[in-house]
Protein backbone atom coordinates (compact mmCIF):
# COMPACT_ATOMS: atom_id res chain seq x y z
CA MET A 1 42.58 -66.04 118.62
CA SER A 2 39.57 -68.29 118.18
CA GLU A 3 37.08 -68.25 115.36
CA GLU A 4 34.23 -67.41 117.92
CA LEU A 5 36.15 -64.34 119.08
CA LEU A 6 36.56 -63.18 115.48
CA VAL A 7 32.85 -63.90 114.53
CA THR A 8 31.53 -62.24 117.69
CA HIS A 9 33.36 -58.97 117.07
CA CYS A 10 33.73 -58.94 113.30
CA ALA A 11 30.68 -60.61 111.76
CA PRO A 12 29.62 -57.47 109.84
CA THR A 13 33.13 -56.76 108.36
CA LEU A 14 33.53 -60.55 107.45
CA ALA A 15 30.05 -60.14 105.73
CA GLY A 16 31.27 -57.10 103.74
CA MET A 17 28.63 -54.80 105.35
CA LYS A 18 31.25 -52.87 107.43
CA THR A 19 34.63 -51.27 106.75
CA GLY A 20 36.31 -52.64 109.80
CA SER A 21 35.94 -53.97 113.38
CA LEU A 22 38.22 -53.82 116.55
CA PHE A 23 38.63 -56.30 119.13
CA ASN A 24 41.06 -57.03 121.88
CA CYS A 25 42.66 -60.56 122.81
CA LYS A 26 45.10 -61.82 125.39
CA CYS A 27 48.63 -61.25 124.14
CA GLU A 28 50.96 -63.76 125.88
CA SER A 29 53.86 -62.83 123.66
CA LEU A 30 54.34 -60.22 120.74
CA SER A 31 55.63 -63.16 118.36
CA CYS A 32 52.50 -65.33 119.18
CA ILE A 33 50.26 -62.60 118.32
CA LYS A 34 51.88 -61.77 115.29
CA GLY A 35 52.02 -65.50 114.26
CA ALA A 36 48.19 -65.69 114.91
CA ILE A 37 47.64 -62.55 112.68
CA LYS A 38 49.85 -64.00 109.98
CA GLU A 39 47.81 -67.33 110.02
CA TRP A 40 44.48 -65.44 109.96
CA ASN A 41 45.70 -63.21 107.05
CA SER A 42 46.53 -66.34 105.11
CA ILE A 43 42.97 -67.28 105.38
CA LEU A 44 41.19 -63.99 105.09
CA ASN A 45 43.20 -61.95 102.48
CA CYS A 46 42.03 -63.97 99.61
CA LYS A 47 38.44 -62.79 100.43
CA GLY A 48 39.59 -59.14 100.63
CA VAL A 49 39.61 -59.03 104.61
CA TYR A 50 42.87 -58.13 106.40
CA MET A 51 44.07 -58.32 110.21
CA SER A 52 46.36 -55.95 111.70
CA LEU A 53 47.77 -55.47 115.16
CA LEU A 54 47.20 -51.81 116.28
CA THR A 55 48.92 -51.79 119.66
CA VAL A 56 49.57 -54.02 122.78
CA MET A 57 48.56 -52.60 126.17
CA LYS A 58 49.62 -54.60 129.13
CA ASP A 59 48.77 -58.29 128.07
CA ARG A 60 46.11 -57.28 125.77
CA ALA A 61 46.37 -56.77 121.85
CA LEU A 62 44.01 -54.52 119.94
CA ILE A 63 43.34 -56.06 116.52
CA TYR A 64 41.91 -54.36 113.65
CA VAL A 65 40.07 -56.41 111.03
CA PHE A 66 39.15 -54.45 107.95
CA ARG A 67 38.46 -54.43 104.17
CA PRO A 68 41.20 -52.25 102.44
CA GLU A 69 38.95 -51.29 99.47
CA LYS A 70 36.06 -50.18 101.70
CA LEU A 71 38.74 -48.26 103.83
CA ALA A 72 40.24 -46.53 100.58
CA LYS A 73 36.59 -45.42 99.61
CA ASP A 74 35.80 -44.10 103.14
CA ILE A 75 39.02 -42.23 103.44
CA GLY A 76 38.68 -41.06 99.90
CA VAL A 77 35.83 -38.68 100.58
CA GLU A 78 37.14 -35.10 100.78
CA GLU A 79 35.54 -34.13 104.10
CA VAL A 80 37.09 -37.32 105.73
CA GLN A 81 40.49 -36.45 104.21
CA SER A 82 40.29 -32.88 105.61
CA PHE A 83 39.19 -34.37 108.86
CA LEU A 84 41.94 -36.99 109.02
CA LYS A 85 44.74 -34.11 108.09
CA GLU A 86 43.35 -31.99 111.10
CA GLN A 87 44.04 -35.03 113.24
CA GLY A 88 47.76 -35.35 111.91
CA TYR A 89 47.30 -37.73 108.98
CA ARG A 90 49.74 -36.60 106.34
CA ASN A 91 48.20 -38.70 103.55
CA CYS A 92 45.24 -40.71 103.11
CA TYR A 93 46.31 -44.07 101.79
CA PRO A 94 44.79 -47.02 103.84
CA ASP A 95 48.28 -48.51 105.00
CA ALA A 96 49.72 -44.88 105.92
CA CYS A 97 46.57 -44.12 107.79
CA ILE A 98 46.48 -47.45 109.65
CA LYS A 99 50.25 -46.96 110.55
CA ARG A 100 49.38 -43.42 111.91
CA LEU A 101 46.55 -44.72 113.90
CA SER A 102 48.62 -47.28 115.61
CA GLU A 103 51.27 -44.75 116.33
CA ARG A 104 48.54 -42.51 117.86
CA LEU A 105 47.19 -45.40 120.01
CA ARG A 106 50.70 -46.04 121.28
CA ARG A 107 52.04 -42.50 121.68
CA TYR A 108 49.21 -40.28 123.05
CA GLU A 109 47.46 -40.20 126.34
CA THR A 110 44.07 -39.34 124.69
CA PHE A 111 42.16 -41.86 122.77
CA PRO A 112 42.20 -41.23 118.88
CA HIS A 113 38.41 -41.07 118.42
CA GLU A 114 38.92 -40.65 114.72
CA ILE A 115 39.26 -44.36 114.81
CA GLY A 116 35.45 -44.32 114.06
CA ILE A 117 36.44 -43.45 110.44
CA PHE A 118 38.27 -46.79 110.24
CA LEU A 119 35.30 -48.57 111.59
CA GLY A 120 33.08 -47.23 108.85
CA TYR A 121 31.11 -44.82 111.20
CA PRO A 122 29.58 -41.84 109.53
CA ILE A 123 31.95 -38.71 109.62
CA GLU A 124 29.10 -36.53 111.08
CA ASP A 125 29.01 -38.99 114.09
CA VAL A 126 32.75 -39.17 114.50
CA LYS A 127 32.99 -35.27 114.61
CA GLY A 128 29.83 -35.25 117.01
CA PHE A 129 31.38 -37.45 119.46
CA ILE A 130 34.58 -35.43 119.48
CA GLU A 131 32.74 -32.03 119.62
CA ASN A 132 30.38 -33.13 122.26
CA LYS A 133 33.10 -35.15 124.21
CA GLY A 134 30.89 -38.29 123.99
CA GLN A 135 27.73 -36.62 125.50
CA ASN A 136 24.49 -35.59 123.95
CA CYS A 137 23.99 -38.13 121.45
CA LYS A 138 20.80 -39.10 119.97
CA CYS A 139 21.19 -43.00 120.52
CA ILE A 140 23.86 -45.45 121.15
CA GLY A 141 24.38 -48.73 119.29
CA TYR A 142 27.67 -49.72 117.70
CA TRP A 143 28.58 -46.11 118.03
CA LYS A 144 27.25 -42.88 119.59
CA VAL A 145 24.97 -41.23 117.00
CA TYR A 146 24.86 -37.64 116.56
CA ASN A 147 23.38 -37.06 113.05
CA ASN A 148 20.88 -39.62 111.19
CA GLU A 149 19.34 -41.68 114.08
CA LYS A 150 16.79 -43.61 112.05
CA GLU A 151 19.44 -44.69 109.43
CA ALA A 152 21.91 -45.70 112.21
CA GLU A 153 19.39 -47.67 114.06
CA LYS A 154 18.62 -49.76 110.88
CA THR A 155 22.20 -50.27 110.53
CA PHE A 156 22.52 -51.48 114.07
CA GLN A 157 19.74 -53.95 113.54
CA LYS A 158 21.53 -55.27 110.49
CA TYR A 159 24.72 -55.61 112.24
CA LYS A 160 23.00 -57.43 115.17
CA LYS A 161 21.21 -59.76 112.80
CA CYS A 162 24.39 -60.56 110.82
CA THR A 163 26.43 -61.27 114.07
CA MET A 164 23.55 -63.57 115.30
CA ILE A 165 23.54 -65.48 111.97
CA TYR A 166 27.35 -65.95 111.91
CA ARG A 167 27.53 -67.15 115.38
CA LYS A 168 24.78 -69.69 114.75
CA LYS A 169 26.47 -70.83 111.42
CA LEU A 170 29.85 -71.05 113.32
CA LYS A 171 28.22 -73.26 115.91
CA GLU A 172 26.58 -75.37 113.25
CA GLY A 173 30.20 -76.06 112.10
CA ARG A 174 30.60 -73.59 109.18
CA SER A 175 34.22 -72.49 108.74
CA ILE A 176 35.26 -68.86 108.76
CA GLU A 177 36.54 -69.46 105.09
CA LYS A 178 32.85 -70.14 104.21
CA LEU A 179 31.53 -67.41 106.23
CA VAL A 180 33.64 -64.59 104.83
CA VAL A 181 32.18 -62.86 101.96
CA GLN A 182 34.35 -62.06 98.89
CA LEU A 183 33.34 -58.66 97.49
């Protein structure tokens, strides 16, 4: 799991702009991927960023990179808690929610679209996606937007610029330790 992969898919999370990011990578063995995650966590955790294996599908691992404090704040909102409970989440603590999300990814045939909450997407857009079955959105960027199009487009531009800057800095030799923002 390379620094480039992490920066390409997670720059806004590493910069503290976003709650979480997802990416998948080749998984030659479960012990190998768990070892890589442990190594990354030894680098990232002191900056408030964590990496977790959500599931393995065939030879690909789905990795969640997140900021627990931001996730706790996001899922602490009453509307989000009610929504997650409707989706089968019993309690709304970050660790328990991530565990439940991982179970849902492994056990269910339908994709758990509530995953948007874990990525910091607005609740209105997560609900809109589910209600509209992914159709009829106002715009598409990092997610499909159903509510505040102008605000979402500004956010998409910020994320895009952040990723571009992080990729440039990485190519210039800046380490991940230096790129990750401690909040």
